[in-house]
Amino acid sequence: MIVFLQDYHLIKIGAFAEYVAVNENAIAKVPEYLADVEASAVPLTALTIMQALELMKAEKEKTIFISGGTGSVGAMAIPIAKAKGLEVITNGSAEK
């Protein structure tokens, strides 16, 4: 299959590849509590967050607001932002 993309950045990340070669240090075992299909969503979500932080030029010791911190994306975005040295402000549902 041949895919033509306008955005070269999408080609570089390999998100559309059926098979990809990676260094063994870049992979992790799927936890038993996740199905393979569920686990397959994690890298793309994390990559999207990393790319968003890069596009925003997020810098260490700056403050970022992450809307929906109790949701699935927020729950992943907060620790990634904190690991990059950002101060995080968020909102979310009291039930979650």
PDB file of N, CA and C in Angstrom:
ATOM      1  N   MET A   1       0.833  -1.166   0.000  1.00  0.00           N
ATOM      2  CA  MET A   1       0.000   0.000   0.000  1.00  0.00           C
ATOM      3  C   MET A   1       0.887   1.241   0.000  1.00  0.00           C
ATOM      4  N   ILE A   2       0.555   2.227  -0.798  1.00  0.00           N
ATOM      5  CA  ILE A   2       1.287   3.479  -0.847  1.00  0.00           C
ATOM      6  C   ILE A   2       0.387   4.571  -0.289  1.00  0.00           C
ATOM      7  N   VAL A   3       0.930   5.341   0.630  1.00  0.00           N
ATOM      8  CA  VAL A   3       0.175   6.437   1.228  1.00  0.00           C
ATOM      9  C   VAL A   3       0.896   7.731   0.919  1.00  0.00           C
ATOM     10  N   PHE A   4       0.172   8.688   0.389  1.00  0.00           N
ATOM     11  CA  PHE A   4       0.738   9.995   0.112  1.00  0.00           C
ATOM     12  C   PHE A   4       0.291  10.953   1.196  1.00  0.00           C
ATOM     13  N   LEU A   5       1.231  11.626   1.813  1.00  0.00           N
ATOM     14  CA  LEU A   5       0.916  12.553   2.887  1.00  0.00           C
ATOM     15  C   LEU A   5       1.439  13.938   2.559  1.00  0.00           C
ATOM     16  N   GLN A   6       0.653  14.939   2.876  1.00  0.00           N
ATOM     17  CA  GLN A   6       1.082  16.317   2.709  1.00  0.00           C
ATOM     18  C   GLN A   6       2.102  16.689   3.782  1.00  0.00           C
ATOM     19  N   ASP A   7       1.921  16.171   4.972  1.00  0.00           N
ATOM     20  CA  ASP A   7       2.751  16.554   6.110  1.00  0.00           C
ATOM     21  C   ASP A   7       3.871  15.537   6.301  1.00  0.00           C
ATOM     22  N   TYR A   8       5.097  15.934   5.991  1.00  0.00           N
ATOM     23  CA  TYR A   8       6.240  15.034   6.101  1.00  0.00           C
ATOM     24  C   TYR A   8       6.448  14.553   7.528  1.00  0.00           C
ATOM     25  N   HIS A   9       6.081  15.387   8.531  1.00  0.00           N
ATOM     26  CA  HIS A   9       6.261  14.998   9.931  1.00  0.00           C
ATOM     27  C   HIS A   9       5.489  13.714  10.254  1.00  0.00           C
ATOM     28  N   LEU A  10       4.345  13.514   9.642  1.00  0.00           N
ATOM     29  CA  LEU A  10       3.571  12.292   9.883  1.00  0.00           C
ATOM     30  C   LEU A  10       4.291  11.072   9.334  1.00  0.00           C
ATOM     31  N   ILE A  11       5.010  11.228   8.263  1.00  0.00           N
ATOM     32  CA  ILE A  11       5.764  10.113   7.697  1.00  0.00           C
ATOM     33  C   ILE A  11       6.903   9.725   8.636  1.00  0.00           C
ATOM     34  N   LYS A  12       7.595  10.705   9.196  1.00  0.00           N
ATOM     35  CA  LYS A  12       8.765  10.442  10.030  1.00  0.00           C
ATOM     36  C   LYS A  12       8.433   9.670  11.299  1.00  0.00           C
ATOM     37  N   ILE A  13       7.246   9.877  11.883  1.00  0.00           N
ATOM     38  CA  ILE A  13       6.959   9.224  13.157  1.00  0.00           C
ATOM     39  C   ILE A  13       6.552   7.768  13.010  1.00  0.00           C
ATOM     40  N   GLY A  14       6.211   7.327  11.800  1.00  0.00           N
ATOM     41  CA  GLY A  14       5.905   5.921  11.582  1.00  0.00           C
ATOM     42  C   GLY A  14       4.547   5.477  12.070  1.00  0.00           C
ATOM     43  N   ALA A  15       3.653   6.411  12.321  1.00  0.00           N
ATOM     44  CA  ALA A  15       2.336   6.067  12.849  1.00  0.00           C
ATOM     45  C   ALA A  15       1.489   5.280  11.851  1.00  0.00           C
ATOM     46  N   PHE A  16       1.848   5.333  10.595  1.00  0.00           N
ATOM     47  CA  PHE A  16       1.053   4.656   9.583  1.00  0.00           C
ATOM     48  C   PHE A  16       1.708   3.374   9.074  1.00  0.00           C
ATOM     49  N   ALA A  17       2.748   2.938   9.736  1.00  0.00           N
ATOM     50  CA  ALA A  17       3.464   1.749   9.296  1.00  0.00           C
ATOM     51  C   ALA A  17       2.787   0.479   9.806  1.00  0.00           C
ATOM     52  N   GLU A  18       2.733  -0.537   8.960  1.00  0.00           N
ATOM     53  CA  GLU A  18       2.212  -1.834   9.398  1.00  0.00           C
ATOM     54  C   GLU A  18       3.247  -2.553  10.253  1.00  0.00           C
ATOM     55  N   TYR A  19       4.512  -2.432   9.889  1.00  0.00           N
ATOM     56  CA  TYR A  19       5.619  -3.002  10.656  1.00  0.00           C
ATOM     57  C   TYR A  19       6.678  -1.920  10.843  1.00  0.00           C
ATOM     58  N   VAL A  20       7.384  -1.993  11.945  1.00  0.00           N
ATOM     59  CA  VAL A  20       8.433  -1.018  12.191  1.00  0.00           C
ATOM     60  C   VAL A  20       9.532  -1.678  13.016  1.00  0.00           C
ATOM     61  N   ALA A  21      10.779  -1.329  12.728  1.00  0.00           N
ATOM     62  CA  ALA A  21      11.912  -1.844  13.494  1.00  0.00           C
ATOM     63  C   ALA A  21      12.250  -0.834  14.583  1.00  0.00           C
ATOM     64  N   VAL A  22      12.361  -1.307  15.811  1.00  0.00           N
ATOM     65  CA  VAL A  22      12.701  -0.427  16.927  1.00  0.00           C
ATOM     66  C   VAL A  22      13.764  -1.068  17.797  1.00  0.00           C
ATOM     67  N   ASN A  23      14.475  -0.239  18.518  1.00  0.00           N
ATOM     68  CA  ASN A  23      15.448  -0.718  19.476  1.00  0.00           C
ATOM     69  C   ASN A  23      14.705  -1.403  20.617  1.00  0.00           C
ATOM     70  N   GLU A  24      15.205  -2.519  21.100  1.00  0.00           N
ATOM     71  CA  GLU A  24      14.521  -3.257  22.163  1.00  0.00           C
ATOM     72  C   GLU A  24      14.354  -2.437  23.432  1.00  0.00           C
ATOM     73  N   ASN A  25      15.186  -1.423  23.640  1.00  0.00           N
ATOM     74  CA  ASN A  25      15.049  -0.557  24.811  1.00  0.00           C
ATOM     75  C   ASN A  25      13.864   0.398  24.697  1.00  0.00           C
ATOM     76  N   ALA A  26      13.284   0.504  23.512  1.00  0.00           N
ATOM     77  CA  ALA A  26      12.184   1.431  23.279  1.00  0.00           C
ATOM     78  C   ALA A  26      10.818   0.766  23.411  1.00  0.00           C
ATOM     79  N   ILE A  27      10.791  -0.504  23.796  1.00  0.00           N
ATOM     80  CA  ILE A  27       9.507  -1.190  23.915  1.00  0.00           C
ATOM     81  C   ILE A  27       9.290  -1.644  25.353  1.00  0.00           C
ATOM     82  N   ALA A  28       8.047  -1.918  25.651  1.00  0.00           N
ATOM     83  CA  ALA A  28       7.702  -2.379  26.999  1.00  0.00           C
ATOM     84  C   ALA A  28       6.670  -3.491  26.890  1.00  0.00           C
ATOM     85  N   LYS A  29       6.668  -4.362  27.862  1.00  0.00           N
ATOM     86  CA  LYS A  29       5.705  -5.454  27.906  1.00  0.00           C
ATOM     87  C   LYS A  29       4.324  -4.891  28.230  1.00  0.00           C
ATOM     88  N   VAL A  30       3.314  -5.409  27.565  1.00  0.00           N
ATOM     89  CA  VAL A  30       1.941  -4.988  27.828  1.00  0.00           C
ATOM     90  C   VAL A  30       1.521  -5.522  29.196  1.00  0.00           C
ATOM     91  N   PRO A  31       1.054  -4.632  30.098  1.00  0.00           N
ATOM     92  CA  PRO A  31       0.603  -5.119  31.408  1.00  0.00           C
ATOM     93  C   PRO A  31      -0.578  -6.085  31.258  1.00  0.00           C
ATOM     94  N   GLU A  32      -0.666  -7.029  32.155  1.00  0.00           N
ATOM     95  CA  GLU A  32      -1.725  -8.053  32.064  1.00  0.00           C
ATOM     96  C   GLU A  32      -3.124  -7.462  32.122  1.00  0.00           C
ATOM     97  N   TYR A  33      -3.287  -6.311  32.763  1.00  0.00           N
ATOM     98  CA  TYR A  33      -4.626  -5.727  32.894  1.00  0.00           C
ATOM     99  C   TYR A  33      -5.081  -4.982  31.640  1.00  0.00           C
ATOM    100  N   LEU A  34      -4.215  -4.890  30.622  1.00  0.00           N
ATOM    101  CA  LEU A  34      -4.580  -4.246  29.365  1.00  0.00           C
ATOM    102  C   LEU A  34      -4.615  -5.256  28.231  1.00  0.00           C
ATOM    103  N   ALA A  35      -5.623  -5.154  27.400  1.00  0.00           N
ATOM    104  CA  ALA A  35      -5.657  -5.935  26.161  1.00  0.00           C
ATOM    105  C   ALA A  35      -4.669  -5.295  25.184  1.00  0.00           C
ATOM    106  N   ASP A  36      -4.206  -6.055  24.211  1.00  0.00           N
ATOM    107  CA  ASP A  36      -3.272  -5.516  23.226  1.00  0.00           C
ATOM    108  C   ASP A  36      -3.849  -4.289  22.522  1.00  0.00           C
ATOM    109  N   VAL A  37      -5.139  -4.335  22.207  1.00  0.00           N
ATOM    110  CA  VAL A  37      -5.787  -3.210  21.527  1.00  0.00           C
ATOM    111  C   VAL A  37      -5.750  -1.958  22.414  1.00  0.00           C
ATOM    112  N   GLU A  38      -6.009  -2.132  23.707  1.00  0.00           N
ATOM    113  CA  GLU A  38      -5.968  -0.991  24.628  1.00  0.00           C
ATOM    114  C   GLU A  38      -4.547  -0.449  24.740  1.00  0.00           C
ATOM    115  N   ALA A  39      -3.591  -1.346  24.877  1.00  0.00           N
ATOM    116  CA  ALA A  39      -2.199  -0.930  25.024  1.00  0.00           C
ATOM    117  C   ALA A  39      -1.676  -0.228  23.777  1.00  0.00           C
ATOM    118  N   SER A  40      -2.216  -0.582  22.628  1.00  0.00           N
ATOM    119  CA  SER A  40      -1.742   0.029  21.384  1.00  0.00           C
ATOM    120  C   SER A  40      -2.087   1.515  21.298  1.00  0.00           C
ATOM    121  N   ALA A  41      -3.057   1.967  22.072  1.00  0.00           N
ATOM    122  CA  ALA A  41      -3.433   3.381  22.060  1.00  0.00           C
ATOM    123  C   ALA A  41      -2.476   4.242  22.880  1.00  0.00           C
ATOM    124  N   VAL A  42      -1.759   3.655  23.801  1.00  0.00           N
ATOM    125  CA  VAL A  42      -0.901   4.425  24.706  1.00  0.00           C
ATOM    126  C   VAL A  42       0.202   5.185  23.967  1.00  0.00           C
ATOM    127  N   PRO A  43       0.981   4.561  23.092  1.00  0.00           N
ATOM    128  CA  PRO A  43       2.075   5.310  22.462  1.00  0.00           C
ATOM    129  C   PRO A  43       1.600   6.500  21.631  1.00  0.00           C
ATOM    130  N   LEU A  44       0.515   6.353  20.905  1.00  0.00           N
ATOM    131  CA  LEU A  44       0.049   7.455  20.067  1.00  0.00           C
ATOM    132  C   LEU A  44      -0.457   8.605  20.927  1.00  0.00           C
ATOM    133  N   THR A  45      -1.142   8.289  22.028  1.00  0.00           N
ATOM    134  CA  THR A  45      -1.606   9.339  22.935  1.00  0.00           C
ATOM    135  C   THR A  45      -0.419  10.080  23.537  1.00  0.00           C
ATOM    136  N   ALA A  46       0.565   9.330  24.010  1.00  0.00           N
ATOM    137  CA  ALA A  46       1.756   9.950  24.596  1.00  0.00           C
ATOM    138  C   ALA A  46       2.509  10.773  23.556  1.00  0.00           C
ATOM    139  N   LEU A  47       2.623  10.263  22.339  1.00  0.00           N
ATOM    140  CA  LEU A  47       3.310  10.987  21.274  1.00  0.00           C
ATOM    141  C   LEU A  47       2.579  12.283  20.957  1.00  0.00           C
ATOM    142  N   THR A  48       1.260  12.249  20.929  1.00  0.00           N
ATOM    143  CA  THR A  48       0.471  13.452  20.671  1.00  0.00           C
ATOM    144  C   THR A  48       0.733  14.502  21.743  1.00  0.00           C
ATOM    145  N   ILE A  49       0.790  14.067  22.995  1.00  0.00           N
ATOM    146  CA  ILE A  49       1.073  14.990  24.096  1.00  0.00           C
ATOM    147  C   ILE A  49       2.481  15.569  23.957  1.00  0.00           C
ATOM    148  N   MET A  50       3.456  14.717  23.669  1.00  0.00           N
ATOM    149  CA  MET A  50       4.833  15.185  23.509  1.00  0.00           C
ATOM    150  C   MET A  50       4.935  16.203  22.368  1.00  0.00           C
ATOM    151  N   GLN A  51       4.254  15.917  21.253  1.00  0.00           N
ATOM    152  CA  GLN A  51       4.289  16.841  20.120  1.00  0.00           C
ATOM    153  C   GLN A  51       3.610  18.160  20.467  1.00  0.00           C
ATOM    154  N   ALA A  52       2.506  18.104  21.220  1.00  0.00           N
ATOM    155  CA  ALA A  52       1.814  19.332  21.623  1.00  0.00           C
ATOM    156  C   ALA A  52       2.720  20.187  22.502  1.00  0.00           C
ATOM    157  N   LEU A  53       3.404  19.559  23.452  1.00  0.00           N
ATOM    158  CA  LEU A  53       4.317  20.304  24.322  1.00  0.00           C
ATOM    159  C   LEU A  53       5.462  20.918  23.515  1.00  0.00           C
ATOM    160  N   GLU A  54       5.929  20.185  22.521  1.00  0.00           N
ATOM    161  CA  GLU A  54       7.008  20.692  21.657  1.00  0.00           C
ATOM    162  C   GLU A  54       6.520  21.883  20.835  1.00  0.00           C
ATOM    163  N   LEU A  55       5.324  21.767  20.245  1.00  0.00           N
ATOM    164  CA  LEU A  55       4.770  22.861  19.436  1.00  0.00           C
ATOM    165  C   LEU A  55       4.522  24.110  20.276  1.00  0.00           C
ATOM    166  N   MET A  56       4.146  23.911  21.539  1.00  0.00           N
ATOM    167  CA  MET A  56       3.899  25.026  22.448  1.00  0.00           C
ATOM    168  C   MET A  56       5.198  25.618  22.991  1.00  0.00           C
ATOM    169  N   LYS A  57       6.302  24.964  22.685  1.00  0.00           N
ATOM    170  CA  LYS A  57       7.608  25.364  23.211  1.00  0.00           C
ATOM    171  C   LYS A  57       7.571  25.422  24.744  1.00  0.00           C
ATOM    172  N   ALA A  58       6.967  24.397  25.338  1.00  0.00           N
ATOM    173  CA  ALA A  58       6.867  24.301  26.794  1.00  0.00           C
ATOM    174  C   ALA A  58       8.263  24.181  27.391  1.00  0.00           C
ATOM    175  N   GLU A  59       8.561  25.023  28.357  1.00  0.00           N
ATOM    176  CA  GLU A  59       9.889  25.061  28.959  1.00  0.00           C
ATOM    177  C   GLU A  59       9.834  24.692  30.432  1.00  0.00           C
ATOM    178  N   LYS A  60      10.898  24.094  30.913  1.00  0.00           N
ATOM    179  CA  LYS A  60      11.036  23.716  32.309  1.00  0.00           C
ATOM    180  C   LYS A  60      10.756  24.929  33.203  1.00  0.00           C
ATOM    181  N   GLU A  61      10.065  24.671  34.310  1.00  0.00           N
ATOM    182  CA  GLU A  61       9.709  25.666  35.323  1.00  0.00           C
ATOM    183  C   GLU A  61       8.645  26.657  34.866  1.00  0.00           C
ATOM    184  N   LYS A  62       8.029  26.446  33.697  1.00  0.00           N
ATOM    185  CA  LYS A  62       6.897  27.259  33.262  1.00  0.00           C
ATOM    186  C   LYS A  62       5.621  26.575  33.734  1.00  0.00           C
ATOM    187  N   THR A  63       4.502  27.279  33.652  1.00  0.00           N
ATOM    188  CA  THR A  63       3.209  26.739  34.091  1.00  0.00           C
ATOM    189  C   THR A  63       2.358  26.409  32.872  1.00  0.00           C
ATOM    190  N   ILE A  64       1.658  25.281  32.949  1.00  0.00           N
ATOM    191  CA  ILE A  64       0.761  24.850  31.878  1.00  0.00           C
ATOM    192  C   ILE A  64      -0.589  24.464  32.486  1.00  0.00           C
ATOM    193  N   PHE A  65      -1.663  24.816  31.785  1.00  0.00           N
ATOM    194  CA  PHE A  65      -3.004  24.399  32.189  1.00  0.00           C
ATOM    195  C   PHE A  65      -3.408  23.231  31.298  1.00  0.00           C
ATOM    196  N   ILE A  66      -3.752  22.110  31.908  1.00  0.00           N
ATOM    197  CA  ILE A  66      -4.219  20.937  31.175  1.00  0.00           C
ATOM    198  C   ILE A  66      -5.684  20.731  31.545  1.00  0.00           C
ATOM    199  N   SER A  67      -6.568  21.023  30.604  1.00  0.00           N
ATOM    200  CA  SER A  67      -8.001  20.881  30.840  1.00  0.00           C
ATOM    201  C   SER A  67      -8.375  19.407  30.883  1.00  0.00           C
ATOM    202  N   GLY A  68      -9.256  19.059  31.802  1.00  0.00           N
ATOM    203  CA  GLY A  68      -9.722  17.672  31.889  1.00  0.00           C
ATOM    204  C   GLY A  68      -8.677  16.735  32.458  1.00  0.00           C
ATOM    205  N   GLY A  69      -8.058  17.131  33.547  1.00  0.00           N
ATOM    206  CA  GLY A  69      -6.996  16.326  34.147  1.00  0.00           C
ATOM    207  C   GLY A  69      -7.433  14.965  34.643  1.00  0.00           C
ATOM    208  N   THR A  70      -8.727  14.768  34.850  1.00  0.00           N
ATOM    209  CA  THR A  70      -9.210  13.466  35.312  1.00  0.00           C
ATOM    210  C   THR A  70      -9.602  12.551  34.163  1.00  0.00           C
ATOM    211  N   GLY A  71      -9.505  13.044  32.934  1.00  0.00           N
ATOM    212  CA  GLY A  71      -9.827  12.214  31.774  1.00  0.00           C
ATOM    213  C   GLY A  71      -8.629  11.402  31.323  1.00  0.00           C
ATOM    214  N   SER A  72      -8.825  10.627  30.296  1.00  0.00           N
ATOM    215  CA  SER A  72      -7.762   9.715  29.847  1.00  0.00           C
ATOM    216  C   SER A  72      -6.543  10.448  29.304  1.00  0.00           C
ATOM    217  N   VAL A  73      -6.744  11.482  28.494  1.00  0.00           N
ATOM    218  CA  VAL A  73      -5.601  12.226  27.953  1.00  0.00           C
ATOM    219  C   VAL A  73      -4.943  13.043  29.059  1.00  0.00           C
ATOM    220  N   GLY A  74      -5.757  13.702  29.874  1.00  0.00           N
ATOM    221  CA  GLY A  74      -5.218  14.490  30.974  1.00  0.00           C
ATOM    222  C   GLY A  74      -4.397  13.644  31.936  1.00  0.00           C
ATOM    223  N   ALA A  75      -4.881  12.438  32.212  1.00  0.00           N
ATOM    224  CA  ALA A  75      -4.177  11.540  33.131  1.00  0.00           C
ATOM    225  C   ALA A  75      -2.804  11.150  32.592  1.00  0.00           C
ATOM    226  N   MET A  76      -2.634  11.205  31.293  1.00  0.00           N
ATOM    227  CA  MET A  76      -1.327  10.911  30.710  1.00  0.00           C
ATOM    228  C   MET A  76      -0.529  12.194  30.520  1.00  0.00           C
ATOM    229  N   ALA A  77      -1.202  13.296  30.203  1.00  0.00           N
ATOM    230  CA  ALA A  77      -0.510  14.561  29.941  1.00  0.00           C
ATOM    231  C   ALA A  77       0.126  15.136  31.200  1.00  0.00           C
ATOM    232  N   ILE A  78      -0.542  14.983  32.335  1.00  0.00           N
ATOM    233  CA  ILE A  78      -0.022  15.571  33.578  1.00  0.00           C
ATOM    234  C   ILE A  78       1.340  14.993  33.960  1.00  0.00           C
ATOM    235  N   PRO A  79       1.496  13.662  34.046  1.00  0.00           N
ATOM    236  CA  PRO A  79       2.828  13.162  34.416  1.00  0.00           C
ATOM    237  C   PRO A  79       3.903  13.446  33.369  1.00  0.00           C
ATOM    238  N   ILE A  80       3.533  13.493  32.104  1.00  0.00           N
ATOM    239  CA  ILE A  80       4.520  13.822  31.068  1.00  0.00           C
ATOM    240  C   ILE A  80       4.975  15.269  31.240  1.00  0.00           C
ATOM    241  N   ALA A  81       4.023  16.176  31.451  1.00  0.00           N
ATOM    242  CA  ALA A  81       4.370  17.590  31.638  1.00  0.00           C
ATOM    243  C   ALA A  81       5.226  17.781  32.893  1.00  0.00           C
ATOM    244  N   LYS A  82       4.867  17.096  33.963  1.00  0.00           N
ATOM    245  CA  LYS A  82       5.635  17.219  35.207  1.00  0.00           C
ATOM    246  C   LYS A  82       7.051  16.644  35.025  1.00  0.00           C
ATOM    247  N   ALA A  83       7.158  15.558  34.274  1.00  0.00           N
ATOM    248  CA  ALA A  83       8.474  14.966  34.014  1.00  0.00           C
ATOM    249  C   ALA A  83       9.350  15.909  33.196  1.00  0.00           C
ATOM    250  N   LYS A  84       8.729  16.786  32.412  1.00  0.00           N
ATOM    251  CA  LYS A  84       9.481  17.778  31.634  1.00  0.00           C
ATOM    252  C   LYS A  84       9.773  19.029  32.458  1.00  0.00           C
ATOM    253  N   GLY A  85       9.388  19.000  33.749  1.00  0.00           N
ATOM    254  CA  GLY A  85       9.699  20.105  34.631  1.00  0.00           C
ATOM    255  C   GLY A  85       8.691  21.232  34.640  1.00  0.00           C
ATOM    256  N   LEU A  86       7.501  21.000  34.098  1.00  0.00           N
ATOM    257  CA  LEU A  86       6.461  22.029  34.068  1.00  0.00           C
ATOM    258  C   LEU A  86       5.634  21.997  35.342  1.00  0.00           C
ATOM    259  N   GLU A  87       5.139  23.163  35.759  1.00  0.00           N
ATOM    260  CA  GLU A  87       4.161  23.219  36.834  1.00  0.00           C
ATOM    261  C   GLU A  87       2.793  23.062  36.170  1.00  0.00           C
ATOM    262  N   VAL A  88       1.973  22.149  36.670  1.00  0.00           N
ATOM    263  CA  VAL A  88       0.704  21.824  36.029  1.00  0.00           C
ATOM    264  C   VAL A  88      -0.468  22.324  36.857  1.00  0.00           C
ATOM    265  N   ILE A  89      -1.385  23.001  36.186  1.00  0.00           N
ATOM    266  CA  ILE A  89      -2.677  23.380  36.752  1.00  0.00           C
ATOM    267  C   ILE A  89      -3.718  22.650  35.920  1.00  0.00           C
ATOM    268  N   THR A  90      -4.725  22.100  36.579  1.00  0.00           N
ATOM    269  CA  THR A  90      -5.725  21.321  35.834  1.00  0.00           C
ATOM    270  C   THR A  90      -7.104  21.486  36.454  1.00  0.00           C
ATOM    271  N   ASN A  91      -8.094  20.983  35.781  1.00  0.00           N
ATOM    272  CA  ASN A  91      -9.453  20.884  36.308  1.00  0.00           C
ATOM    273  C   ASN A  91      -9.960  19.491  35.993  1.00  0.00           C
ATOM    274  N   GLY A  92     -11.063  19.114  36.595  1.00  0.00           N
ATOM    275  CA  GLY A  92     -11.596  17.787  36.321  1.00  0.00           C
ATOM    276  C   GLY A  92     -12.849  17.514  37.123  1.00  0.00           C
ATOM    277  N   SER A  93     -13.410  16.383  36.894  1.00  0.00           N
ATOM    278  CA  SER A  93     -14.637  15.965  37.557  1.00  0.00           C
ATOM    279  C   SER A  93     -14.338  15.476  38.985  1.00  0.00           C
ATOM    280  N   ALA A  94     -15.169  15.912  39.921  1.00  0.00           N
ATOM    281  CA  ALA A  94     -15.008  15.473  41.322  1.00  0.00           C
ATOM    282  C   ALA A  94     -15.249  13.973  41.455  1.00  0.00           C
ATOM    283  N   GLU A  95     -16.088  13.400  40.598  1.00  0.00           N
ATOM    284  CA  GLU A  95     -16.369  11.964  40.659  1.00  0.00           C
ATOM    285  C   GLU A  95     -15.168  11.124  40.255  1.00  0.00           C
ATOM    286  N   LYS A  96     -14.296  11.674  39.433  1.00  0.00           N
ATOM    287  CA  LYS A  96     -13.144  10.911  38.950  1.00  0.00           C
ATOM    288  C   LYS A  96     -11.943  11.203  39.797  1.00  0.00           C
TER     289      LYS A  96
END
